[in-house]
Amino acid sequence: MLLNMKIEMPTPSTMHAPGTVLLISCYELGHRPAGLTRPLRALEAAGFAPDVIDIAVEPLDVEKVARARFIGISVPMHTALRLGVHLLHRIRETNPDVSICMYGLYATLNAEYLLSQGVDFCLGSEASTQLVELVESFVKEELPEAYRDGLPIGKLPSLEVYAQFEDKDEVRTVGYTETTHGCKHLCTHCPIPPVYKGKFFAVNKETVLDEIQEQVIEGATHITFGDPDFLNGPMHGLRILRAMHEMYPNLTFDFTAKVEHILKHRKHFPEFAQLGCRFVISAVESLSDTVLTILEKHHTRVDVETALDIVHGAGIALRPTWVPFTPWTTLDDYLEILQFVDTHRLIYHVDPVQYAVRLLIPPGSYLLNRSETQALSLTLDEAAFSYAWVHPDVRMDELHKTVNTLVENDARSGVDTLETFYRIWTLAADMHGSRHTPLGFRSKEAHQPAPRITEAWFC
């Protein structure tokens, strides 16, 4: 979506001057943001000289904001969007006349609200080409090629300031790339289907390898592949992994894949391990058949156990993610998740924040088409970019608040993940009325540390 409001077009020389175009990222899961890197390269290739700021790891530079005539704000996720709207007002105070574009998945989903708040343009996830076209539309005539020579490249923050790979005593610097955009699946709680409508697009192999090479030169020794599902196009991904391994045999990596795809492409996991895969993230979300049906995940608890066997059998760690608070999740369901994690010795495979995740229902969500959702009393909170819901069991909303506070306090105090896990279990068991809190496998020896990225997962 692209909407132009009242804009006074800057002059050509202004638009090509260094820093006239400014790209800002708000948050991208602790890694160097693809929402900066790809648009930056595309704008540079078109003869512009953008500056960049990543407010997740550096302060907002008001001098850069004041100098800019066009600012693009990357909002690929809910947390980034909320930060971006707060940032929007700060930018307007500093530079009232600047043209502001929000781009990314959540810009598309919330375009109507964002435009009402003073954003001038909203672009979707495939923003690089559209950003170039938009900035070029401000230019009234082509500049001599000589003017474009020697323009400085926008300097991205060092990889060292982002989250690191960690496994026992091993620490690696993390780079980030994506081999595909979109997803061919239609999980109802995911923000991707309303935008991509079940389609995905492969990123050129050489583009991905060039991004990896640039980051290896900067010191990256581990690569996170941030595709919504790396196995949407498994052979495309494998070709990239094989070429990457040939270039950099000691480079390790992680990726995200559906439980369904792990089962379907199980034959590739020994090769993934040989090529350097250290862990796989999979959106398990729930073990409840009711919840999994509503979310249209197309897997079962038995499938999750099979996926664990496949991934762990290849010598790779599986890191499941969860959405334990939904309007349909019971207290028994919540306790089942904890029992499952404990039984399968997965405590260090799950960041504690996962036990506090509450279902978001953004505007346009496919969940709104489900009869189970339509039966709820939903209220759209435009400022929060989601529909508010109340659980029919008041204990679940109370448990969510309590667990959320506990996780935040324990993270701030540096409490071990194992201790936090059993505190959560105690809270849930007490609320359930269980006579005894399960003892579980409480020793660290029973739950060996698992490889991870040091930034906890947030949506």
Protein backbone atom coordinates (compact mmCIF):
# COMPACT_ATOMS: atom_id res chain seq x y z
CA MET A 1 0.00 0.00 0.00
CA LEU A 2 1.30 3.47 -0.86
CA LEU A 3 -0.55 6.66 -0.02
CA ASN A 4 0.82 10.15 -0.71
CA MET A 5 -0.43 12.97 1.49
CA LYS A 6 0.48 16.65 1.17
CA ILE A 7 4.19 16.63 0.41
CA GLU A 8 6.45 19.45 -0.73
CA MET A 9 8.95 17.82 -3.05
CA PRO A 10 12.61 18.46 -2.14
CA THR A 11 14.98 19.50 -4.90
CA PRO A 12 17.11 16.89 -6.71
CA SER A 13 20.38 18.04 -5.15
CA THR A 14 18.80 17.82 -1.71
CA MET A 15 17.59 14.25 -2.22
CA HIS A 16 20.98 12.96 -3.37
CA ALA A 17 22.95 14.70 -0.63
CA PRO A 18 24.39 12.45 2.08
CA GLY A 19 21.96 12.00 4.97
CA THR A 20 18.95 13.53 3.22
CA VAL A 21 17.39 10.05 3.26
CA LEU A 22 17.40 8.45 6.71
CA LEU A 23 16.41 4.85 7.49
CA ILE A 24 15.53 3.91 11.07
CA SER A 25 15.00 0.46 12.57
CA CYS A 26 13.21 0.12 15.90
CA TYR A 27 13.66 -3.54 16.80
CA GLU A 28 14.34 -6.85 15.03
CA LEU A 29 14.78 -9.59 17.62
CA GLY A 30 18.28 -8.54 18.63
CA HIS A 31 19.96 -9.09 15.26
CA ARG A 32 21.19 -6.57 12.70
CA PRO A 33 17.96 -5.51 10.99
CA ALA A 34 17.23 -6.65 7.46
CA GLY A 35 14.82 -3.72 7.46
CA LEU A 36 17.90 -1.49 7.19
CA THR A 37 20.45 -3.53 5.27
CA ARG A 38 18.52 -4.34 2.09
CA PRO A 39 16.82 -0.94 1.61
CA LEU A 40 20.15 0.75 2.33
CA ARG A 41 21.94 -1.21 -0.40
CA ALA A 42 19.09 -0.64 -2.87
CA LEU A 43 19.08 3.13 -2.28
CA GLU A 44 22.86 3.31 -2.58
CA ALA A 45 22.73 1.41 -5.86
CA ALA A 46 20.22 3.99 -7.11
CA GLY A 47 22.66 6.82 -6.38
CA PHE A 48 21.37 8.01 -2.99
CA ALA A 49 23.43 8.27 0.19
CA PRO A 50 21.18 7.27 3.09
CA ASP A 51 22.10 7.45 6.73
CA VAL A 52 20.90 4.81 9.20
CA ILE A 53 19.97 4.51 12.87
CA ASP A 54 19.06 1.36 14.80
CA ILE A 55 17.43 2.61 17.99
CA ALA A 56 17.51 -0.91 19.43
CA VAL A 57 21.26 -0.55 19.97
CA GLU A 58 22.02 3.19 19.65
CA PRO A 59 20.38 6.47 20.69
CA LEU A 60 18.30 8.51 18.30
CA ASP A 61 20.67 10.99 16.65
CA VAL A 62 18.63 14.21 16.50
CA GLU A 63 21.15 15.82 14.14
CA LYS A 64 20.53 13.05 11.59
CA VAL A 65 16.78 13.49 12.04
CA ALA A 66 16.99 17.28 11.60
CA ARG A 67 19.10 16.92 8.43
CA ALA A 68 16.79 14.38 6.75
CA ARG A 69 14.14 15.23 4.18
CA PHE A 70 12.82 11.68 3.94
CA ILE A 71 12.73 9.18 6.82
CA GLY A 72 11.82 5.52 6.43
CA ILE A 73 10.94 3.64 9.64
CA SER A 74 11.09 -0.16 9.53
CA VAL A 75 8.26 -1.87 11.44
CA PRO A 76 8.32 -5.61 10.62
CA MET A 77 6.81 -6.68 13.94
CA HIS A 78 4.45 -5.59 16.73
CA THR A 79 7.14 -4.40 19.19
CA ALA A 80 8.84 -2.39 16.44
CA LEU A 81 5.54 -0.77 15.47
CA ARG A 82 4.78 0.42 18.99
CA LEU A 83 8.28 1.84 19.28
CA GLY A 84 7.94 3.36 15.82
CA VAL A 85 4.78 5.28 16.70
CA HIS A 86 6.47 6.71 19.79
CA LEU A 87 9.43 7.61 17.59
CA LEU A 88 7.13 9.26 15.04
CA HIS A 89 6.13 11.98 17.49
CA ARG A 90 9.76 12.65 18.47
CA ILE A 91 10.70 13.01 14.80
CA ARG A 92 7.87 15.46 14.16
CA GLU A 93 9.02 17.59 17.11
CA THR A 94 12.57 17.69 15.72
CA ASN A 95 11.76 17.99 12.02
CA PRO A 96 8.09 18.90 11.42
CA ASP A 97 8.33 19.02 7.60
CA VAL A 98 10.14 15.73 6.94
CA SER A 99 8.35 13.13 4.82
CA ILE A 100 7.89 9.94 6.86
CA CYS A 101 7.32 6.45 5.48
CA MET A 102 6.67 3.39 7.63
CA TYR A 103 7.43 0.12 5.91
CA GLY A 104 7.22 -3.56 6.76
CA LEU A 105 4.66 -6.18 7.68
CA TYR A 106 2.95 -4.20 10.43
CA ALA A 107 2.87 -0.98 8.40
CA THR A 108 0.60 -2.77 5.93
CA LEU A 109 -1.66 -4.23 8.61
CA ASN A 110 -2.09 -0.88 10.36
CA ALA A 111 -1.84 1.59 7.46
CA GLU A 112 -5.15 3.36 8.10
CA TYR A 113 -4.25 4.17 11.70
CA LEU A 114 -0.67 5.15 10.89
CA LEU A 115 -1.75 7.56 8.16
CA SER A 116 -4.18 9.17 10.61
CA GLN A 117 -1.28 9.71 13.02
CA GLY A 118 0.83 11.70 10.58
CA VAL A 119 2.71 9.05 8.61
CA ASP A 120 2.89 10.15 4.96
CA PHE A 121 3.44 6.77 3.30
CA CYS A 122 2.95 3.11 4.20
CA LEU A 123 4.77 0.34 2.32
CA GLY A 124 4.67 -3.44 2.67
CA SER A 125 7.35 -6.01 3.41
CA GLU A 126 8.93 -5.98 -0.07
CA ALA A 127 10.01 -2.42 0.61
CA SER A 128 13.45 -2.06 -0.95
CA THR A 129 12.32 -1.49 -4.54
CA GLN A 130 9.29 0.55 -3.44
CA LEU A 131 11.44 2.79 -1.25
CA VAL A 132 13.77 3.51 -4.14
CA GLU A 133 10.79 4.33 -6.39
CA LEU A 134 9.28 6.55 -3.71
CA VAL A 135 12.48 8.50 -3.07
CA GLU A 136 13.09 8.79 -6.81
CA SER A 137 9.62 10.27 -7.22
CA PHE A 138 10.90 13.26 -5.23
CA VAL A 139 13.61 13.86 -7.82
CA LYS A 140 12.52 16.10 -10.72
CA GLU A 141 15.48 15.41 -13.02
CA GLU A 142 18.45 13.11 -13.24
CA LEU A 143 21.74 14.33 -11.78
CA PRO A 144 25.06 13.98 -13.63
CA GLU A 145 26.75 10.67 -12.87
CA ALA A 146 29.74 12.58 -11.49
CA TYR A 147 27.57 13.85 -8.64
CA ARG A 148 26.86 10.29 -7.58
CA ASP A 149 30.48 9.16 -7.42
CA GLY A 150 32.09 8.80 -4.03
CA LEU A 151 28.94 9.15 -1.93
CA PRO A 152 29.49 7.77 1.58
CA ILE A 153 27.82 4.53 2.56
CA GLY A 154 25.45 4.59 5.51
CA LYS A 155 27.30 3.04 8.43
CA LEU A 156 25.45 0.23 10.17
CA PRO A 157 26.17 -0.51 13.85
CA SER A 158 28.85 -3.13 14.46
CA LEU A 159 27.71 -6.74 14.71
CA GLU A 160 29.29 -6.81 18.15
CA VAL A 161 26.49 -4.68 19.63
CA TYR A 162 23.80 -7.20 18.68
CA ALA A 163 22.81 -10.47 20.33
CA GLN A 164 25.40 -13.23 20.23
CA PHE A 165 25.28 -16.99 19.75
CA GLU A 166 25.95 -18.82 23.00
CA ASP A 167 26.44 -22.50 23.78
CA LYS A 168 28.07 -23.39 27.11
CA ASP A 169 31.46 -21.60 26.94
CA GLU A 170 31.23 -20.93 23.20
CA VAL A 171 30.30 -17.43 22.01
CA ARG A 172 29.94 -16.41 18.37
CA THR A 173 29.20 -13.12 16.59
CA VAL A 174 25.90 -13.35 14.74
CA GLY A 175 25.05 -12.21 11.23
CA TYR A 176 21.55 -12.23 9.75
CA THR A 177 19.94 -12.83 6.38
CA GLU A 178 16.76 -14.21 4.79
CA THR A 179 16.52 -16.59 1.83
CA THR A 180 12.78 -16.10 1.28
CA HIS A 181 9.98 -13.64 2.00
CA GLY A 182 6.43 -14.60 2.93
CA CYS A 183 5.09 -18.07 3.70
CA LYS A 184 2.94 -20.61 1.89
CA HIS A 185 1.07 -21.53 5.07
CA LEU A 186 -1.96 -19.77 6.55
CA CYS A 187 -1.64 -20.14 10.33
CA THR A 188 -4.45 -17.92 11.58
CA HIS A 189 -2.54 -16.17 14.39
CA CYS A 190 0.39 -15.21 12.18
CA PRO A 191 0.59 -11.67 10.72
CA ILE A 192 2.17 -12.92 7.49
CA PRO A 193 -0.83 -14.58 5.73
CA PRO A 194 -2.97 -11.40 5.54
CA VAL A 195 -0.12 -9.72 3.66
CA TYR A 196 1.33 -12.55 1.55
CA LYS A 197 -1.86 -14.63 1.22
CA GLY A 198 -0.09 -17.98 1.17
CA LYS A 199 2.72 -17.02 -1.20
CA PHE A 200 6.46 -16.88 -0.68
CA PHE A 201 9.29 -15.54 -2.79
CA ALA A 202 12.88 -16.72 -3.00
CA VAL A 203 15.68 -14.20 -2.58
CA ASN A 204 18.40 -14.51 -5.22
CA LYS A 205 21.09 -16.95 -4.06
CA GLU A 206 23.94 -14.56 -4.88
CA THR A 207 22.26 -11.74 -2.95
CA VAL A 208 22.07 -13.93 0.16
CA LEU A 209 25.65 -15.14 -0.21
CA ASP A 210 26.89 -11.57 -0.71
CA GLU A 211 25.13 -10.53 2.53
CA ILE A 212 26.71 -13.45 4.36
CA GLN A 213 30.15 -12.60 2.98
CA GLU A 214 29.86 -8.96 4.03
CA GLN A 215 29.00 -9.98 7.57
CA VAL A 216 31.72 -12.63 7.77
CA ILE A 217 34.23 -9.94 6.79
CA GLU A 218 32.85 -7.89 9.70
CA GLY A 219 33.43 -10.80 12.07
CA ALA A 220 30.28 -12.95 11.93
CA THR A 221 30.89 -16.61 12.79
CA HIS A 222 27.22 -17.63 13.03
CA ILE A 223 24.32 -16.80 10.70
CA THR A 224 20.67 -16.61 11.64
CA PHE A 225 18.35 -17.30 8.71
CA GLY A 226 15.29 -15.26 9.59
CA ASP A 227 12.85 -16.63 7.01
CA PRO A 228 9.36 -17.17 8.46
CA ASP A 229 9.95 -20.78 7.40
CA PHE A 230 13.34 -21.76 5.97
CA LEU A 231 11.84 -24.99 4.61
CA ASN A 232 9.19 -23.33 2.45
CA GLY A 233 11.74 -23.81 -0.32
CA PRO A 234 14.06 -26.50 1.08
CA MET A 235 16.23 -27.01 -2.00
CA HIS A 236 16.77 -23.25 -2.41
CA GLY A 237 17.90 -23.11 1.20
CA LEU A 238 20.11 -26.17 0.82
CA ARG A 239 21.88 -24.73 -2.22
CA ILE A 240 22.67 -21.61 -0.24
CA LEU A 241 23.86 -23.62 2.78
CA ARG A 242 26.12 -25.81 0.64
CA ALA A 243 27.69 -22.78 -1.04
CA MET A 244 28.08 -21.02 2.32
CA HIS A 245 29.75 -24.08 3.84
CA GLU A 246 32.13 -24.35 0.92
CA MET A 247 33.12 -20.71 1.37
CA TYR A 248 33.23 -20.76 5.19
CA PRO A 249 33.45 -24.32 6.58
CA ASN A 250 33.49 -23.17 10.21
CA LEU A 251 30.43 -20.93 9.96
CA THR A 252 27.46 -22.15 12.01
CA PHE A 253 23.79 -21.22 11.58
CA ASP A 254 20.20 -21.54 12.81
CA PHE A 255 16.83 -21.33 11.09
CA THR A 256 13.07 -21.49 11.73
CA ALA A 257 10.76 -24.23 10.42
CA LYS A 258 7.25 -25.56 11.00
CA VAL A 259 6.80 -28.87 12.83
CA GLU A 260 5.00 -30.04 9.68
CA HIS A 261 8.06 -29.26 7.56
CA ILE A 262 10.48 -30.91 9.96
CA LEU A 263 8.53 -34.14 9.52
CA LYS A 264 8.21 -33.72 5.75
CA HIS A 265 11.89 -32.94 5.17
CA ARG A 266 13.42 -35.13 7.87
CA LYS A 267 15.92 -36.63 5.43
CA HIS A 268 17.79 -33.31 5.19
CA PHE A 269 18.55 -32.85 8.88
CA PRO A 270 21.74 -34.94 8.99
CA GLU A 271 23.07 -32.75 6.17
CA PHE A 272 21.93 -29.58 7.97
CA ALA A 273 24.00 -30.72 10.95
CA GLN A 274 27.01 -31.48 8.76
CA LEU A 275 26.75 -28.01 7.20
CA GLY A 276 26.85 -26.34 10.63
CA CYS A 277 23.26 -26.09 11.91
CA ARG A 278 23.25 -25.66 15.69
CA PHE A 279 19.58 -25.15 16.45
CA VAL A 280 16.16 -24.89 14.83
CA ILE A 281 13.29 -22.73 16.08
CA SER A 282 9.78 -24.13 15.60
CA ALA A 283 6.48 -22.47 16.45
CA VAL A 284 4.85 -25.26 18.44
CA GLU A 285 2.54 -22.72 20.17
CA SER A 286 0.35 -25.24 22.02
CA LEU A 287 -0.24 -28.93 22.71
CA SER A 288 -4.02 -28.55 22.88
CA ASP A 289 -5.89 -30.01 19.90
CA THR A 290 -8.52 -27.29 20.32
CA VAL A 291 -6.02 -24.44 20.19
CA LEU A 292 -3.95 -26.01 17.41
CA THR A 293 -7.09 -26.42 15.29
CA ILE A 294 -8.11 -22.77 15.78
CA LEU A 295 -4.59 -21.61 14.93
CA GLU A 296 -4.54 -24.01 11.95
CA LYS A 297 -1.05 -25.24 12.83
CA HIS A 298 -1.55 -28.66 11.21
CA HIS A 299 0.43 -30.57 13.81
CA THR A 300 -0.31 -32.54 16.97
CA ARG A 301 1.49 -33.26 20.21
CA VAL A 302 2.70 -36.56 18.73
CA ASP A 303 4.09 -34.63 15.73
CA VAL A 304 6.01 -32.35 18.09
CA GLU A 305 7.55 -35.36 19.81
CA THR A 306 8.51 -36.82 16.42
CA ALA A 307 10.06 -33.50 15.38
CA LEU A 308 12.12 -33.52 18.57
CA ASP A 309 13.40 -36.98 17.75
CA ILE A 310 14.30 -35.95 14.19
CA VAL A 311 16.13 -32.75 15.10
CA HIS A 312 17.85 -34.00 18.25
CA GLY A 313 18.69 -37.27 16.50
CA ALA A 314 20.70 -35.26 13.98
CA GLY A 315 22.64 -33.56 16.77
CA ILE A 316 20.77 -30.26 16.39
CA ALA A 317 18.84 -28.55 19.20
CA LEU A 318 15.14 -27.76 18.77
CA ARG A 319 13.93 -24.55 20.38
CA PRO A 320 10.10 -24.54 20.51
CA THR A 321 8.16 -21.31 20.83
CA TRP A 322 4.79 -21.07 22.56
CA VAL A 323 1.64 -18.99 22.72
CA PRO A 324 0.40 -20.29 26.09
CA PHE A 325 -2.22 -17.61 26.68
CA THR A 326 -5.13 -17.66 24.23
CA PRO A 327 -8.87 -17.32 24.89
CA TRP A 328 -9.16 -21.11 24.42
CA THR A 329 -6.18 -22.31 26.49
CA THR A 330 -7.20 -23.89 29.79
CA LEU A 331 -5.16 -24.03 32.97
CA ASP A 332 -4.74 -27.76 32.36
CA ASP A 333 -3.34 -26.92 28.90
CA TYR A 334 -0.84 -24.52 30.44
CA LEU A 335 0.34 -27.11 32.94
CA GLU A 336 0.63 -29.64 30.12
CA ILE A 337 3.13 -27.37 28.34
CA LEU A 338 5.25 -27.15 31.50
CA GLN A 339 5.06 -30.92 32.00
CA PHE A 340 6.07 -31.46 28.37
CA VAL A 341 9.08 -29.13 28.63
CA ASP A 342 10.19 -30.81 31.85
CA THR A 343 9.67 -34.38 30.64
CA HIS A 344 11.59 -33.77 27.41
CA ARG A 345 14.40 -31.92 29.25
CA LEU A 346 13.79 -28.72 27.28
CA ILE A 347 14.02 -26.10 30.04
CA TYR A 348 17.13 -24.49 28.55
CA HIS A 349 15.65 -24.74 25.04
CA VAL A 350 12.89 -22.26 25.93
CA ASP A 351 13.39 -18.62 26.94
CA PRO A 352 11.21 -17.94 30.03
CA VAL A 353 9.42 -15.08 28.24
CA GLN A 354 7.74 -17.79 26.15
CA TYR A 355 5.62 -18.80 29.13
CA ALA A 356 4.15 -15.29 29.26
CA VAL A 357 3.26 -14.83 25.57
CA ARG A 358 -0.35 -13.69 25.09
CA LEU A 359 -2.11 -14.07 21.76
CA LEU A 360 -2.15 -10.93 19.63
CA ILE A 361 -5.03 -10.46 17.20
CA PRO A 362 -4.00 -7.59 14.90
CA PRO A 363 -6.30 -5.89 12.38
CA GLY A 364 -6.72 -8.12 9.34
CA SER A 365 -5.81 -11.27 11.27
CA TYR A 366 -7.15 -14.50 9.79
CA LEU A 367 -8.25 -15.38 13.32
CA LEU A 368 -11.09 -12.89 12.85
CA ASN A 369 -12.58 -15.30 10.28
CA ARG A 370 -12.83 -18.15 12.79
CA SER A 371 -16.20 -18.75 14.46
CA GLU A 372 -14.40 -19.31 17.78
CA THR A 373 -12.99 -15.78 17.59
CA GLN A 374 -16.25 -14.25 16.44
CA ALA A 375 -17.87 -15.66 19.58
CA LEU A 376 -15.55 -13.53 21.73
CA SER A 377 -16.21 -9.99 22.87
CA LEU A 378 -13.38 -8.22 21.06
CA THR A 379 -12.50 -4.54 21.22
CA LEU A 380 -10.05 -3.01 18.76
CA ASP A 381 -7.38 -1.04 20.58
CA GLU A 382 -5.97 1.01 17.69
CA ALA A 383 -3.12 2.44 19.74
CA ALA A 384 -2.04 -1.10 20.74
CA PHE A 385 -2.53 -2.39 17.15
CA SER A 386 -4.55 -5.39 18.30
CA TYR A 387 -7.95 -6.56 19.49
CA ALA A 388 -8.31 -6.84 23.26
CA TRP A 389 -9.81 -10.06 24.64
CA VAL A 390 -10.64 -11.42 28.07
CA HIS A 391 -10.27 -15.07 29.03
CA PRO A 392 -13.49 -16.77 30.18
CA ASP A 393 -11.51 -18.23 33.11
CA VAL A 394 -10.39 -15.26 35.21
CA ARG A 395 -7.56 -17.37 36.61
CA MET A 396 -5.84 -17.40 33.23
CA ASP A 397 -5.71 -13.62 32.94
CA GLU A 398 -4.47 -13.43 36.52
CA LEU A 399 -1.84 -16.09 35.80
CA HIS A 400 -0.67 -14.19 32.73
CA LYS A 401 -0.10 -11.00 34.70
CA THR A 402 1.71 -12.86 37.46
CA VAL A 403 3.93 -14.89 35.12
CA ASN A 404 4.74 -11.81 33.05
CA THR A 405 5.91 -9.93 36.15
CA LEU A 406 7.88 -12.92 37.43
CA VAL A 407 9.69 -13.40 34.11
CA GLU A 408 10.58 -9.69 33.88
CA ASN A 409 11.88 -9.57 37.45
CA ASP A 410 13.88 -12.78 37.13
CA ALA A 411 15.44 -11.66 33.86
CA ARG A 412 16.39 -8.32 35.41
CA SER A 413 17.93 -10.10 38.42
CA GLY A 414 19.79 -12.70 36.36
CA VAL A 415 17.90 -15.67 37.83
CA ASP A 416 18.77 -18.99 36.17
CA THR A 417 16.24 -20.19 33.59
CA LEU A 418 15.74 -23.46 35.46
CA GLU A 419 14.77 -21.66 38.67
CA THR A 420 12.39 -19.34 36.80
CA PHE A 421 10.75 -22.32 35.12
CA TYR A 422 9.93 -24.04 38.41
CA ARG A 423 8.67 -20.79 39.92
CA ILE A 424 6.24 -20.52 37.02
CA TRP A 425 5.19 -24.13 37.49
CA THR A 426 4.58 -23.50 41.19
CA LEU A 427 2.38 -20.48 40.41
CA ALA A 428 0.30 -22.41 37.88
CA ALA A 429 0.00 -25.51 40.07
CA ASP A 430 -1.06 -23.46 43.09
CA MET A 431 -3.68 -21.65 41.01
CA HIS A 432 -4.88 -25.00 39.71
CA GLY A 433 -5.25 -26.25 43.26
CA SER A 434 -2.81 -29.10 42.90
CA ARG A 435 -1.97 -30.56 46.26
CA HIS A 436 1.73 -30.77 45.51
CA THR A 437 3.83 -28.81 43.05
CA PRO A 438 5.54 -31.39 40.79
CA LEU A 439 9.19 -31.88 41.62
CA GLY A 440 10.29 -32.52 38.05
CA PHE A 441 13.93 -32.84 36.99
CA ARG A 442 15.24 -29.92 39.02
CA SER A 443 18.97 -30.46 38.63
CA LYS A 444 21.01 -28.61 36.02
CA GLU A 445 22.56 -31.93 35.07
CA ALA A 446 19.13 -33.14 33.93
CA HIS A 447 18.70 -30.09 31.69
CA GLN A 448 21.90 -29.45 29.79
CA PRO A 449 22.29 -25.89 28.39
CA ALA A 450 21.18 -25.55 24.79
CA PRO A 451 22.59 -23.29 22.06
CA ARG A 452 20.75 -19.98 21.83
CA ILE A 453 20.84 -16.39 20.68
CA THR A 454 21.27 -14.17 23.73
CA GLU A 455 18.30 -11.93 22.87
CA ALA A 456 15.08 -13.41 24.24
CA TRP A 457 12.35 -13.82 21.62
CA PHE A 458 9.67 -11.13 21.41
CA CYS A 459 7.00 -10.57 18.75
